Amino acid sequence: MNILAFLIPISLGLGGVGLLAFFWMMRNNQYDDPDGNANRILSERYDKSPDGEA
């Protein structure tokens, strides 16, 4: 039972580090994909309508 006194704060700390890393990546535009839209518009893969009719 004493091990929970160590594991709970460690897991909360690691979760906080992960959350801070996520917010840092969002702030620094790490998830932007400027080339994705440019390449996607030229691809024929997305030309069909969602219901399968062309």
C-alpha atoms as a PDB file:
ATOM      1  CA  MET A   1       0.000   0.000   0.000  1.00  0.00           C
ATOM      2  CA  ASN A   2       2.972   2.297   0.593  1.00  0.00           C
ATOM      3  CA  ILE A   3       3.942   1.951  -3.072  1.00  0.00           C
ATOM      4  CA  LEU A   4       0.788   3.891  -4.045  1.00  0.00           C
ATOM      5  CA  ALA A   5       2.177   6.889  -2.197  1.00  0.00           C
ATOM      6  CA  PHE A   6       4.968   6.906  -4.786  1.00  0.00           C
ATOM      7  CA  LEU A   7       3.145   5.726  -7.905  1.00  0.00           C
ATOM      8  CA  ILE A   8       0.213   8.150  -7.801  1.00  0.00           C
ATOM      9  CA  PRO A   9       2.316  11.350  -7.669  1.00  0.00           C
ATOM     10  CA  ILE A  10       4.723   9.968 -10.264  1.00  0.00           C
ATOM     11  CA  SER A  11       1.879   9.118 -12.656  1.00  0.00           C
ATOM     12  CA  LEU A  12       0.256  12.523 -12.134  1.00  0.00           C
ATOM     13  CA  GLY A  13       3.613  14.196 -12.743  1.00  0.00           C
ATOM     14  CA  LEU A  14       4.184  12.257 -15.965  1.00  0.00           C
ATOM     15  CA  GLY A  15       0.662  13.097 -17.115  1.00  0.00           C
ATOM     16  CA  GLY A  16       1.331  16.767 -16.403  1.00  0.00           C
ATOM     17  CA  VAL A  17       4.586  16.634 -18.362  1.00  0.00           C
ATOM     18  CA  GLY A  18       2.730  15.079 -21.291  1.00  0.00           C
ATOM     19  CA  LEU A  19       0.028  17.745 -21.116  1.00  0.00           C
ATOM     20  CA  LEU A  20       2.612  20.527 -21.013  1.00  0.00           C
ATOM     21  CA  ALA A  21       4.432  18.992 -23.974  1.00  0.00           C
ATOM     22  CA  PHE A  22       1.161  18.839 -25.914  1.00  0.00           C
ATOM     23  CA  PHE A  23       0.375  22.501 -25.225  1.00  0.00           C
ATOM     24  CA  TRP A  24       3.931  23.481 -26.176  1.00  0.00           C
ATOM     25  CA  MET A  25       3.580  21.635 -29.492  1.00  0.00           C
ATOM     26  CA  MET A  26       0.237  23.304 -30.185  1.00  0.00           C
ATOM     27  CA  ARG A  27       1.678  26.749 -29.411  1.00  0.00           C
ATOM     28  CA  ASN A  28       4.667  26.207 -31.717  1.00  0.00           C
ATOM     29  CA  ASN A  29       2.503  24.931 -34.626  1.00  0.00           C
ATOM     30  CA  GLN A  30       4.013  21.455 -34.642  1.00  0.00           C
ATOM     31  CA  TYR A  31       0.764  19.974 -35.988  1.00  0.00           C
ATOM     32  CA  ASP A  32       0.404  22.278 -38.997  1.00  0.00           C
ATOM     33  CA  ASP A  33       0.572  20.600 -42.389  1.00  0.00           C
ATOM     34  CA  PRO A  34       0.911  23.326 -45.030  1.00  0.00           C
ATOM     35  CA  ASP A  35       2.038  20.906 -47.743  1.00  0.00           C
ATOM     36  CA  GLY A  36      -0.743  18.421 -47.050  1.00  0.00           C
ATOM     37  CA  ASN A  37      -3.526  20.508 -48.572  1.00  0.00           C
ATOM     38  CA  ALA A  38      -1.403  21.377 -51.589  1.00  0.00           C
ATOM     39  CA  ASN A  39      -0.708  17.706 -52.293  1.00  0.00           C
ATOM     40  CA  ARG A  40      -4.235  16.565 -51.449  1.00  0.00           C
ATOM     41  CA  ILE A  41      -5.854  18.846 -54.023  1.00  0.00           C
ATOM     42  CA  LEU A  42      -3.799  17.214 -56.793  1.00  0.00           C
ATOM     43  CA  SER A  43      -4.606  13.655 -55.759  1.00  0.00           C
ATOM     44  CA  GLU A  44      -7.356  11.690 -57.487  1.00  0.00           C
ATOM     45  CA  ARG A  45      -7.871   9.619 -54.362  1.00  0.00           C
ATOM     46  CA  TYR A  46     -10.312  12.171 -52.875  1.00  0.00           C
ATOM     47  CA  ASP A  47     -12.253  13.008 -56.018  1.00  0.00           C
ATOM     48  CA  LYS A  48     -15.172  10.640 -55.341  1.00  0.00           C
ATOM     49  CA  SER A  49     -18.186  11.767 -53.350  1.00  0.00           C
ATOM     50  CA  PRO A  50     -18.696  10.264 -49.877  1.00  0.00           C
ATOM     51  CA  ASP A  51     -21.650   8.089 -50.942  1.00  0.00           C
ATOM     52  CA  GLY A  52     -19.571   6.338 -53.623  1.00  0.00           C
ATOM     53  CA  GLU A  53     -21.104   7.983 -56.667  1.00  0.00           C
ATOM     54  CA  ALA A  54     -18.681   9.700 -59.012  1.00  0.00           C
END
